[in-house]
Amino acid sequence: MGAQQRIYRQRSRSVQSTKKITRAMELIAASRVVKARERVAQTTPYARAITRAVSAVATFSTDVDHPLTLERQNPTKAGVLIVTSDRGLAGAYSANALKNYEALRELLEGEGREVVPFLAGRKAEGYFRFRQRDFEESWTGFSDKPTYEVAKEIGDRLTADFIKGADNGGVDEIHVIYTQFKSMVTQEVQVVRLLPLEVVEEEERASEEELYPLYDFEPNGPEVLDALLPQYVNSRIYNALLQSAASELAARQAAMKSATDNAEELLKTYTRLANQARQAEITQEISEIVSGASALADAK
């Protein structure tokens, strides 16, 4: 009985230590997710504004013939940027993004296209290395606090590979898989075709009653697109990284809160089992004392 009590006490101390760690990580994630949400709120209007500007140039300029807006005939290679986290303990955040990548890969390969992965986050890199799969390039170390410089680096690489095309060692289209932050309890994985440019997307399409502004392009449409399109691509990638960072922190906070609650329930269970073992030991000792006293009385 005494050995059982020691085992339950040791387990309780171990669970208590785990609970302190998960509680601390929950509080850290809760404090960081506020700033991450603010950054998403600050950058999303800019991403929408530049999308409308690019849409206007592509819609109202008749002499636009830009490499980033042209559909390739019979595309053979598709680049896919997968945005995951650098660290674990965030529930199914990274697993959901990778699951959507596998579904997209099967779809693209079924259409006869070779998939070229680009990875953002150590979880995606570990996923590919563990399965001994090749990937084109990876970027790590920034998942919970991305910067525009990193987004620009990723955007420049993806744009350069798209411009080269599959015949010259590049790709014919670019897809991005990231997690969109909707609320603290809802984060949804998004699969977006970034290039060739789809300037009018469902969530950003203006209503029928809204009037488009009139634009004058100086010096001309193609030169305006030359300046706008790199900014557009980089801003969309930056916004995707920020959305994913906020989603990662929200998922980590929820996962750590669930782990803390489970630790509390486990502590209650171990405390109850330890008390039961202690009561059983006391009952056994009393029974032994009573039995001994009865044996002495009978001997007299």
C-alpha atoms as a PDB file:
ATOM      1  CA  MET A   1       0.000   0.000   0.000  1.00  0.00           C
ATOM      2  CA  GLY A   2       2.783   2.403   0.854  1.00  0.00           C
ATOM      3  CA  ALA A   3       4.445   1.713  -2.490  1.00  0.00           C
ATOM      4  CA  GLN A   4       1.219   2.630  -4.299  1.00  0.00           C
ATOM      5  CA  GLN A   5       1.021   5.931  -2.437  1.00  0.00           C
ATOM      6  CA  ARG A   6       4.587   6.769  -3.435  1.00  0.00           C
ATOM      7  CA  ILE A   7       3.820   5.964  -7.078  1.00  0.00           C
ATOM      8  CA  TYR A   8       0.729   8.183  -7.089  1.00  0.00           C
ATOM      9  CA  ARG A   9       2.598  11.030  -5.394  1.00  0.00           C
ATOM     10  CA  GLN A  10       5.429  10.805  -7.948  1.00  0.00           C
ATOM     11  CA  ARG A  11       2.942  10.872 -10.789  1.00  0.00           C
ATOM     12  CA  SER A  12       1.141  13.829  -9.215  1.00  0.00           C
ATOM     13  CA  ARG A  13       4.406  15.780  -8.966  1.00  0.00           C
ATOM     14  CA  SER A  14       5.197  14.976 -12.606  1.00  0.00           C
ATOM     15  CA  VAL A  15       1.748  16.086 -13.752  1.00  0.00           C
ATOM     16  CA  GLN A  16       2.020  19.226 -11.620  1.00  0.00           C
ATOM     17  CA  SER A  17       5.292  20.144 -13.350  1.00  0.00           C
ATOM     18  CA  THR A  18       3.706  19.542 -16.757  1.00  0.00           C
ATOM     19  CA  LYS A  19       0.742  21.671 -15.771  1.00  0.00           C
ATOM     20  CA  LYS A  20       3.016  24.591 -14.871  1.00  0.00           C
ATOM     21  CA  ILE A  21       4.713  24.364 -18.266  1.00  0.00           C
ATOM     22  CA  THR A  22       1.474  24.183 -20.260  1.00  0.00           C
ATOM     23  CA  ARG A  23      -0.043  27.020 -18.225  1.00  0.00           C
ATOM     24  CA  ALA A  24       3.004  29.200 -18.883  1.00  0.00           C
ATOM     25  CA  MET A  25       2.891  28.422 -22.608  1.00  0.00           C
ATOM     26  CA  GLU A  26      -0.821  29.212 -22.674  1.00  0.00           C
ATOM     27  CA  LEU A  27      -0.206  32.633 -21.122  1.00  0.00           C
ATOM     28  CA  ILE A  28       2.684  33.368 -23.501  1.00  0.00           C
ATOM     29  CA  ALA A  29       0.569  32.455 -26.523  1.00  0.00           C
ATOM     30  CA  ALA A  30      -2.323  34.548 -25.202  1.00  0.00           C
ATOM     31  CA  SER A  31      -0.107  37.601 -24.859  1.00  0.00           C
ATOM     32  CA  ARG A  32       1.457  37.187 -28.318  1.00  0.00           C
ATOM     33  CA  VAL A  33      -1.751  36.466 -30.186  1.00  0.00           C
ATOM     34  CA  VAL A  34      -3.065  39.943 -29.368  1.00  0.00           C
ATOM     35  CA  LYS A  35      -0.171  41.585 -31.215  1.00  0.00           C
ATOM     36  CA  ALA A  36      -0.464  39.066 -34.037  1.00  0.00           C
ATOM     37  CA  ARG A  37      -4.146  39.922 -34.503  1.00  0.00           C
ATOM     38  CA  GLU A  38      -3.301  43.618 -34.565  1.00  0.00           C
ATOM     39  CA  ARG A  39      -0.707  43.056 -37.286  1.00  0.00           C
ATOM     40  CA  VAL A  40      -3.233  41.106 -39.350  1.00  0.00           C
ATOM     41  CA  ALA A  41      -5.783  43.898 -38.937  1.00  0.00           C
ATOM     42  CA  GLN A  42      -3.208  46.504 -39.965  1.00  0.00           C
ATOM     43  CA  THR A  43      -1.936  44.739 -43.097  1.00  0.00           C
ATOM     44  CA  THR A  44      -5.174  43.274 -44.477  1.00  0.00           C
ATOM     45  CA  PRO A  45      -6.597  46.643 -45.670  1.00  0.00           C
ATOM     46  CA  TYR A  46      -3.340  47.343 -47.535  1.00  0.00           C
ATOM     47  CA  ALA A  47      -3.445  43.919 -49.195  1.00  0.00           C
ATOM     48  CA  ARG A  48      -7.038  44.555 -50.286  1.00  0.00           C
ATOM     49  CA  ALA A  49      -6.239  48.060 -51.535  1.00  0.00           C
ATOM     50  CA  ILE A  50      -3.315  46.932 -53.679  1.00  0.00           C
ATOM     51  CA  THR A  51      -5.462  44.065 -54.967  1.00  0.00           C
ATOM     52  CA  ARG A  52      -8.072  46.572 -56.128  1.00  0.00           C
ATOM     53  CA  ALA A  53      -5.378  48.706 -57.755  1.00  0.00           C
ATOM     54  CA  VAL A  54      -3.943  45.732 -59.644  1.00  0.00           C
ATOM     55  CA  SER A  55      -7.470  44.658 -60.586  1.00  0.00           C
ATOM     56  CA  ALA A  56      -8.177  48.098 -61.984  1.00  0.00           C
ATOM     57  CA  VAL A  57      -5.024  48.098 -64.104  1.00  0.00           C
ATOM     58  CA  ALA A  58      -5.737  44.625 -65.446  1.00  0.00           C
ATOM     59  CA  THR A  59      -9.404  45.429 -66.067  1.00  0.00           C
ATOM     60  CA  PHE A  60      -9.313  48.890 -67.590  1.00  0.00           C
ATOM     61  CA  SER A  61      -5.970  48.855 -69.377  1.00  0.00           C
ATOM     62  CA  THR A  62      -6.245  47.290 -72.810  1.00  0.00           C
ATOM     63  CA  ASP A  63      -2.526  47.034 -73.525  1.00  0.00           C
ATOM     64  CA  VAL A  64      -1.616  44.837 -70.561  1.00  0.00           C
ATOM     65  CA  ASP A  65       0.508  41.819 -71.462  1.00  0.00           C
ATOM     66  CA  HIS A  66       2.512  41.021 -68.341  1.00  0.00           C
ATOM     67  CA  PRO A  67       4.317  37.700 -67.624  1.00  0.00           C
ATOM     68  CA  LEU A  68       2.671  37.369 -64.204  1.00  0.00           C
ATOM     69  CA  THR A  69      -0.849  37.554 -65.672  1.00  0.00           C
ATOM     70  CA  LEU A  70      -0.437  35.168 -68.585  1.00  0.00           C
ATOM     71  CA  GLU A  71      -1.801  31.645 -68.446  1.00  0.00           C
ATOM     72  CA  ARG A  72       0.754  29.050 -69.586  1.00  0.00           C
ATOM     73  CA  GLN A  73      -0.256  26.621 -72.279  1.00  0.00           C
ATOM     74  CA  ASN A  74      -0.148  23.031 -70.980  1.00  0.00           C
ATOM     75  CA  PRO A  75       1.515  23.746 -67.603  1.00  0.00           C
ATOM     76  CA  THR A  76       3.782  20.932 -66.432  1.00  0.00           C
ATOM     77  CA  LYS A  77       5.125  22.166 -63.064  1.00  0.00           C
ATOM     78  CA  ALA A  78       3.316  23.761 -60.134  1.00  0.00           C
ATOM     79  CA  GLY A  79       5.087  25.340 -57.177  1.00  0.00           C
ATOM     80  CA  VAL A  80       3.355  25.083 -53.802  1.00  0.00           C
ATOM     81  CA  LEU A  81       4.298  27.234 -50.804  1.00  0.00           C
ATOM     82  CA  ILE A  82       3.296  25.485 -47.548  1.00  0.00           C
ATOM     83  CA  VAL A  83       3.157  27.689 -44.438  1.00  0.00           C
ATOM     84  CA  THR A  84       3.508  25.788 -41.139  1.00  0.00           C
ATOM     85  CA  SER A  85       4.976  26.489 -37.698  1.00  0.00           C
ATOM     86  CA  ASP A  86       8.531  26.256 -36.423  1.00  0.00           C
ATOM     87  CA  ARG A  87       7.464  24.701 -33.124  1.00  0.00           C
ATOM     88  CA  GLY A  88       4.954  22.110 -32.042  1.00  0.00           C
ATOM     89  CA  LEU A  89       2.377  22.075 -29.247  1.00  0.00           C
ATOM     90  CA  ALA A  90      -0.145  23.882 -31.468  1.00  0.00           C
ATOM     91  CA  GLY A  91      -2.701  21.146 -31.895  1.00  0.00           C
ATOM     92  CA  ALA A  92      -3.454  20.181 -35.497  1.00  0.00           C
ATOM     93  CA  TYR A  93      -2.334  23.545 -36.927  1.00  0.00           C
ATOM     94  CA  SER A  94       0.592  22.271 -39.022  1.00  0.00           C
ATOM     95  CA  ALA A  95      -0.993  18.876 -39.694  1.00  0.00           C
ATOM     96  CA  ASN A  96      -4.046  20.503 -41.306  1.00  0.00           C
ATOM     97  CA  ALA A  97      -1.874  22.546 -43.679  1.00  0.00           C
ATOM     98  CA  LEU A  98       0.122  19.462 -44.655  1.00  0.00           C
ATOM     99  CA  LYS A  99      -3.067  17.458 -45.127  1.00  0.00           C
ATOM    100  CA  ASN A 100      -4.344  20.087 -47.568  1.00  0.00           C
ATOM    101  CA  TYR A 101      -1.009  19.978 -49.374  1.00  0.00           C
ATOM    102  CA  GLU A 102      -1.360  16.227 -49.894  1.00  0.00           C
ATOM    103  CA  ALA A 103      -4.849  16.724 -51.312  1.00  0.00           C
ATOM    104  CA  LEU A 104      -3.607  19.484 -53.637  1.00  0.00           C
ATOM    105  CA  ARG A 105      -0.628  17.372 -54.701  1.00  0.00           C
ATOM    106  CA  GLU A 106      -2.884  14.485 -55.677  1.00  0.00           C
ATOM    107  CA  LEU A 107      -5.114  16.866 -57.628  1.00  0.00           C
ATOM    108  CA  LEU A 108      -2.254  18.510 -59.526  1.00  0.00           C
ATOM    109  CA  GLU A 109      -0.495  15.239 -60.252  1.00  0.00           C
ATOM    110  CA  GLY A 110      -3.792  13.830 -61.501  1.00  0.00           C
ATOM    111  CA  GLU A 111      -3.867  16.716 -63.991  1.00  0.00           C
ATOM    112  CA  GLY A 112      -0.358  15.847 -65.179  1.00  0.00           C
ATOM    113  CA  ARG A 113       1.647  18.480 -63.303  1.00  0.00           C
ATOM    114  CA  GLU A 114       4.774  17.935 -61.271  1.00  0.00           C
ATOM    115  CA  VAL A 115       4.582  19.510 -57.808  1.00  0.00           C
ATOM    116  CA  VAL A 116       7.556  21.572 -56.594  1.00  0.00           C
ATOM    117  CA  PRO A 117       7.252  22.260 -52.834  1.00  0.00           C
ATOM    118  CA  PHE A 118       8.476  25.451 -51.151  1.00  0.00           C
ATOM    119  CA  LEU A 119       8.405  25.231 -47.352  1.00  0.00           C
ATOM    120  CA  ALA A 120       7.923  27.823 -44.634  1.00  0.00           C
ATOM    121  CA  GLY A 121       8.343  26.471 -41.104  1.00  0.00           C
ATOM    122  CA  ARG A 122      10.346  23.660 -39.507  1.00  0.00           C
ATOM    123  CA  LYS A 123       7.315  21.399 -39.230  1.00  0.00           C
ATOM    124  CA  ALA A 124       6.941  21.254 -43.007  1.00  0.00           C
ATOM    125  CA  GLU A 125      10.686  20.742 -43.414  1.00  0.00           C
ATOM    126  CA  GLY A 126      10.662  17.913 -40.865  1.00  0.00           C
ATOM    127  CA  TYR A 127       7.645  16.365 -42.583  1.00  0.00           C
ATOM    128  CA  PHE A 128       9.482  16.206 -45.916  1.00  0.00           C
ATOM    129  CA  ARG A 129      12.825  15.106 -44.477  1.00  0.00           C
ATOM    130  CA  PHE A 130      11.245  12.305 -42.450  1.00  0.00           C
ATOM    131  CA  ARG A 131       9.582  10.949 -45.602  1.00  0.00           C
ATOM    132  CA  GLN A 132      12.753  11.549 -47.659  1.00  0.00           C
ATOM    133  CA  ARG A 133      10.948  13.801 -50.106  1.00  0.00           C
ATOM    134  CA  ASP A 134      12.657  16.518 -52.102  1.00  0.00           C
ATOM    135  CA  PHE A 135      11.726  20.201 -51.804  1.00  0.00           C
ATOM    136  CA  GLU A 136      12.989  23.257 -53.635  1.00  0.00           C
ATOM    137  CA  GLU A 137      13.728  25.607 -50.713  1.00  0.00           C
ATOM    138  CA  SER A 138      12.686  26.227 -47.113  1.00  0.00           C
ATOM    139  CA  TRP A 139      12.509  29.244 -44.814  1.00  0.00           C
ATOM    140  CA  THR A 140      12.430  28.791 -41.029  1.00  0.00           C
ATOM    141  CA  GLY A 141      12.763  30.667 -37.756  1.00  0.00           C
ATOM    142  CA  PHE A 142       9.998  33.262 -38.088  1.00  0.00           C
ATOM    143  CA  SER A 143       6.647  31.454 -37.968  1.00  0.00           C
ATOM    144  CA  ASP A 144       5.233  33.216 -34.873  1.00  0.00           C
ATOM    145  CA  LYS A 145       6.559  36.674 -35.833  1.00  0.00           C
ATOM    146  CA  PRO A 146       7.138  37.014 -39.595  1.00  0.00           C
ATOM    147  CA  THR A 147       8.661  40.136 -41.128  1.00  0.00           C
ATOM    148  CA  TYR A 148       8.151  41.789 -44.475  1.00  0.00           C
ATOM    149  CA  GLU A 149      11.786  41.098 -45.379  1.00  0.00           C
ATOM    150  CA  VAL A 150      11.139  37.354 -45.146  1.00  0.00           C
ATOM    151  CA  ALA A 151       7.935  37.702 -47.169  1.00  0.00           C
ATOM    152  CA  LYS A 152       9.823  39.661 -49.827  1.00  0.00           C
ATOM    153  CA  GLU A 153      12.540  37.014 -49.974  1.00  0.00           C
ATOM    154  CA  ILE A 154       9.932  34.296 -50.464  1.00  0.00           C
ATOM    155  CA  GLY A 155       7.974  36.387 -52.970  1.00  0.00           C
ATOM    156  CA  ASP A 156      11.057  37.230 -55.032  1.00  0.00           C
ATOM    157  CA  ARG A 157      12.042  33.568 -55.239  1.00  0.00           C
ATOM    158  CA  LEU A 158       8.553  32.411 -56.233  1.00  0.00           C
ATOM    159  CA  THR A 159       8.176  35.206 -58.791  1.00  0.00           C
ATOM    160  CA  ALA A 160      11.574  34.466 -60.324  1.00  0.00           C
ATOM    161  CA  ASP A 161      10.784  30.756 -60.650  1.00  0.00           C
ATOM    162  CA  PHE A 162       7.417  31.550 -62.229  1.00  0.00           C
ATOM    163  CA  ILE A 163       8.924  33.954 -64.760  1.00  0.00           C
ATOM    164  CA  LYS A 164      11.528  31.357 -65.767  1.00  0.00           C
ATOM    165  CA  GLY A 165       8.852  28.783 -66.496  1.00  0.00           C
ATOM    166  CA  ALA A 166       9.063  25.009 -66.399  1.00  0.00           C
ATOM    167  CA  ASP A 167      11.111  24.841 -69.610  1.00  0.00           C
ATOM    168  CA  ASN A 168      13.932  26.837 -67.952  1.00  0.00           C
ATOM    169  CA  GLY A 169      13.949  25.119 -64.572  1.00  0.00           C
ATOM    170  CA  GLY A 170      11.112  27.115 -63.002  1.00  0.00           C
ATOM    171  CA  VAL A 171       7.395  26.511 -62.568  1.00  0.00           C
ATOM    172  CA  ASP A 172       4.262  27.367 -64.534  1.00  0.00           C
ATOM    173  CA  GLU A 173       2.060  28.318 -61.561  1.00  0.00           C
ATOM    174  CA  ILE A 174       2.311  29.059 -57.873  1.00  0.00           C
ATOM    175  CA  HIS A 175      -0.073  27.955 -55.111  1.00  0.00           C
ATOM    176  CA  VAL A 176      -0.012  29.040 -51.460  1.00  0.00           C
ATOM    177  CA  ILE A 177      -1.337  26.972 -48.547  1.00  0.00           C
ATOM    178  CA  TYR A 178      -1.762  28.941 -45.319  1.00  0.00           C
ATOM    179  CA  THR A 179      -4.105  29.141 -42.339  1.00  0.00           C
ATOM    180  CA  GLN A 180      -6.489  32.083 -42.273  1.00  0.00           C
ATOM    181  CA  PHE A 181      -7.246  33.574 -38.869  1.00  0.00           C
ATOM    182  CA  LYS A 182     -10.973  34.124 -38.442  1.00  0.00           C
ATOM    183  CA  SER A 183     -11.327  34.136 -34.653  1.00  0.00           C
ATOM    184  CA  MET A 184      -9.718  32.693 -31.545  1.00  0.00           C
ATOM    185  CA  VAL A 185     -11.706  29.490 -32.029  1.00  0.00           C
ATOM    186  CA  THR A 186     -11.797  29.310 -35.831  1.00  0.00           C
ATOM    187  CA  GLN A 187      -8.805  29.049 -38.161  1.00  0.00           C
ATOM    188  CA  GLU A 188      -9.265  27.715 -41.684  1.00  0.00           C
ATOM    189  CA  VAL A 189      -6.656  26.408 -44.109  1.00  0.00           C
ATOM    190  CA  GLN A 190      -6.752  28.287 -47.422  1.00  0.00           C
ATOM    191  CA  VAL A 191      -5.414  27.053 -50.764  1.00  0.00           C
ATOM    192  CA  VAL A 192      -4.880  29.979 -53.152  1.00  0.00           C
ATOM    193  CA  ARG A 193      -3.414  30.067 -56.644  1.00  0.00           C
ATOM    194  CA  LEU A 194      -1.140  33.087 -56.503  1.00  0.00           C
ATOM    195  CA  LEU A 195       0.400  33.001 -60.000  1.00  0.00           C
ATOM    196  CA  PRO A 196      -0.581  33.414 -62.782  1.00  0.00           C
ATOM    197  CA  LEU A 197      -2.284  36.332 -61.188  1.00  0.00           C
ATOM    198  CA  GLU A 198      -5.910  36.021 -60.209  1.00  0.00           C
ATOM    199  CA  VAL A 199      -6.507  39.619 -59.298  1.00  0.00           C
ATOM    200  CA  VAL A 200     -10.205  39.336 -58.470  1.00  0.00           C
ATOM    201  CA  GLU A 201     -10.894  36.699 -55.821  1.00  0.00           C
ATOM    202  CA  GLU A 202     -14.185  35.715 -54.288  1.00  0.00           C
ATOM    203  CA  GLU A 203     -13.650  37.277 -50.879  1.00  0.00           C
ATOM    204  CA  GLU A 204     -12.381  40.541 -52.384  1.00  0.00           C
ATOM    205  CA  ARG A 205     -14.812  40.956 -55.268  1.00  0.00           C
ATOM    206  CA  ALA A 206     -16.778  44.177 -55.074  1.00  0.00           C
ATOM    207  CA  SER A 207     -20.565  44.044 -54.836  1.00  0.00           C
ATOM    208  CA  GLU A 208     -22.646  44.806 -57.907  1.00  0.00           C
ATOM    209  CA  GLU A 209     -23.875  48.088 -56.458  1.00  0.00           C
ATOM    210  CA  GLU A 210     -20.350  49.376 -55.789  1.00  0.00           C
ATOM    211  CA  LEU A 211     -18.822  51.562 -58.481  1.00  0.00           C
ATOM    212  CA  TYR A 212     -15.233  51.072 -59.526  1.00  0.00           C
ATOM    213  CA  PRO A 213     -13.087  54.207 -59.395  1.00  0.00           C
ATOM    214  CA  LEU A 214     -11.770  55.656 -62.634  1.00  0.00           C
ATOM    215  CA  TYR A 215      -8.000  55.447 -63.092  1.00  0.00           C
ATOM    216  CA  ASP A 216      -5.546  57.180 -65.380  1.00  0.00           C
ATOM    217  CA  PHE A 217      -2.360  55.151 -65.868  1.00  0.00           C
ATOM    218  CA  GLU A 218       0.898  57.025 -66.242  1.00  0.00           C
ATOM    219  CA  PRO A 219       3.023  56.338 -68.149  1.00  0.00           C
ATOM    220  CA  ASN A 220       1.055  53.235 -69.268  1.00  0.00           C
ATOM    221  CA  GLY A 221      -0.592  50.068 -68.006  1.00  0.00           C
ATOM    222  CA  PRO A 222       2.326  47.643 -68.392  1.00  0.00           C
ATOM    223  CA  GLU A 223       4.774  49.904 -66.553  1.00  0.00           C
ATOM    224  CA  VAL A 224       2.259  50.416 -63.756  1.00  0.00           C
ATOM    225  CA  LEU A 225       1.881  46.649 -63.489  1.00  0.00           C
ATOM    226  CA  ASP A 226       5.659  46.247 -63.415  1.00  0.00           C
ATOM    227  CA  ALA A 227       5.674  48.382 -60.260  1.00  0.00           C
ATOM    228  CA  LEU A 228       2.497  47.026 -58.682  1.00  0.00           C
ATOM    229  CA  LEU A 229       2.743  43.283 -59.245  1.00  0.00           C
ATOM    230  CA  PRO A 230       5.862  42.604 -57.119  1.00  0.00           C
ATOM    231  CA  GLN A 231       4.294  44.632 -54.313  1.00  0.00           C
ATOM    232  CA  TYR A 232       1.070  42.711 -54.766  1.00  0.00           C
ATOM    233  CA  VAL A 233       2.740  39.293 -54.588  1.00  0.00           C
ATOM    234  CA  ASN A 234       4.891  40.251 -51.588  1.00  0.00           C
ATOM    235  CA  SER A 235       1.968  41.799 -49.711  1.00  0.00           C
ATOM    236  CA  ARG A 236      -0.193  38.732 -50.274  1.00  0.00           C
ATOM    237  CA  ILE A 237       2.551  36.436 -49.000  1.00  0.00           C
ATOM    238  CA  TYR A 238       3.196  38.736 -46.040  1.00  0.00           C
ATOM    239  CA  ASN A 239      -0.489  38.764 -45.160  1.00  0.00           C
ATOM    240  CA  ALA A 240      -0.587  34.948 -45.465  1.00  0.00           C
ATOM    241  CA  LEU A 241       2.389  34.666 -43.073  1.00  0.00           C
ATOM    242  CA  LEU A 242       0.733  37.021 -40.583  1.00  0.00           C
ATOM    243  CA  GLN A 243      -2.581  35.154 -40.817  1.00  0.00           C
ATOM    244  CA  SER A 244      -0.729  31.896 -40.210  1.00  0.00           C
ATOM    245  CA  ALA A 245       1.199  33.362 -37.251  1.00  0.00           C
ATOM    246  CA  ALA A 246      -2.012  34.496 -35.562  1.00  0.00           C
ATOM    247  CA  SER A 247      -3.614  31.120 -36.273  1.00  0.00           C
ATOM    248  CA  GLU A 248      -0.591  29.292 -34.848  1.00  0.00           C
ATOM    249  CA  LEU A 249      -0.669  31.271 -31.600  1.00  0.00           C
ATOM    250  CA  ALA A 250      -4.431  30.857 -31.247  1.00  0.00           C
ATOM    251  CA  ALA A 251      -4.125  27.110 -31.851  1.00  0.00           C
ATOM    252  CA  ARG A 252      -1.260  26.872 -29.351  1.00  0.00           C
ATOM    253  CA  GLN A 253      -3.236  28.762 -26.709  1.00  0.00           C
ATOM    254  CA  ALA A 254      -6.222  26.445 -27.181  1.00  0.00           C
ATOM    255  CA  ALA A 255      -4.017  23.329 -27.129  1.00  0.00           C
ATOM    256  CA  MET A 256      -2.176  24.425 -23.977  1.00  0.00           C
ATOM    257  CA  LYS A 257      -5.440  25.318 -22.229  1.00  0.00           C
ATOM    258  CA  SER A 258      -6.773  21.870 -23.059  1.00  0.00           C
ATOM    259  CA  ALA A 259      -3.542  20.293 -21.779  1.00  0.00           C
ATOM    260  CA  THR A 260      -3.747  22.327 -18.545  1.00  0.00           C
ATOM    261  CA  ASP A 261      -7.362  21.281 -17.997  1.00  0.00           C
ATOM    262  CA  ASN A 262      -6.452  17.630 -18.623  1.00  0.00           C
ATOM    263  CA  ALA A 263      -3.571  17.915 -16.149  1.00  0.00           C
ATOM    264  CA  GLU A 264      -5.947  19.250 -13.492  1.00  0.00           C
ATOM    265  CA  GLU A 265      -8.319  16.348 -14.048  1.00  0.00           C
ATOM    266  CA  LEU A 266      -5.413  13.902 -13.877  1.00  0.00           C
ATOM    267  CA  LEU A 267      -4.241  15.478 -10.609  1.00  0.00           C
ATOM    268  CA  LYS A 268      -7.711  14.979  -9.141  1.00  0.00           C
ATOM    269  CA  THR A 269      -7.653  11.350 -10.238  1.00  0.00           C
ATOM    270  CA  TYR A 270      -4.214  10.682  -8.724  1.00  0.00           C
ATOM    271  CA  THR A 271      -5.183  12.459  -5.510  1.00  0.00           C
ATOM    272  CA  ARG A 272      -8.292  10.307  -5.220  1.00  0.00           C
ATOM    273  CA  LEU A 273      -6.330   7.111  -5.890  1.00  0.00           C
ATOM    274  CA  ALA A 274      -3.656   8.106  -3.359  1.00  0.00           C
ATOM    275  CA  ASN A 275      -6.347   8.763  -0.738  1.00  0.00           C
ATOM    276  CA  GLN A 276      -7.942   5.407  -1.472  1.00  0.00           C
ATOM    277  CA  ALA A 277      -4.576   3.663  -1.092  1.00  0.00           C
ATOM    278  CA  ARG A 278      -3.960   5.524   2.182  1.00  0.00           C
ATOM    279  CA  GLN A 279      -7.395   4.569   3.525  1.00  0.00           C
ATOM    280  CA  ALA A 280      -6.840   0.949   2.527  1.00  0.00           C
ATOM    281  CA  GLU A 281      -3.469   0.979   4.315  1.00  0.00           C
ATOM    282  CA  ILE A 282      -5.021   2.444   7.474  1.00  0.00           C
ATOM    283  CA  THR A 283      -7.848  -0.105   7.355  1.00  0.00           C
ATOM    284  CA  GLN A 284      -5.342  -2.933   6.979  1.00  0.00           C
ATOM    285  CA  GLU A 285      -3.263  -1.664   9.909  1.00  0.00           C
ATOM    286  CA  ILE A 286      -6.338  -1.394  12.118  1.00  0.00           C
ATOM    287  CA  SER A 287      -7.390  -4.899  11.142  1.00  0.00           C
ATOM    288  CA  GLU A 288      -3.932  -6.215  11.997  1.00  0.00           C
ATOM    289  CA  ILE A 289      -3.977  -4.442  15.394  1.00  0.00           C
ATOM    290  CA  VAL A 290      -7.446  -5.801  16.210  1.00  0.00           C
ATOM    291  CA  SER A 291      -6.435  -9.289  15.102  1.00  0.00           C
ATOM    292  CA  GLY A 292      -3.298  -9.143  17.240  1.00  0.00           C
ATOM    293  CA  ALA A 293      -5.208  -7.907  20.275  1.00  0.00           C
ATOM    294  CA  SER A 294      -7.772 -10.708  19.854  1.00  0.00           C
ATOM    295  CA  ALA A 295      -4.999 -13.281  19.564  1.00  0.00           C
ATOM    296  CA  LEU A 296      -3.383 -12.016  22.785  1.00  0.00           C
ATOM    297  CA  ALA A 297      -6.712 -12.096  24.586  1.00  0.00           C
ATOM    298  CA  ASP A 298      -7.381 -15.640  23.464  1.00  0.00           C
ATOM    299  CA  ALA A 299      -3.877 -16.706  24.567  1.00  0.00           C
ATOM    300  CA  LYS A 300      -4.537 -15.456  28.127  1.00  0.00           C
END
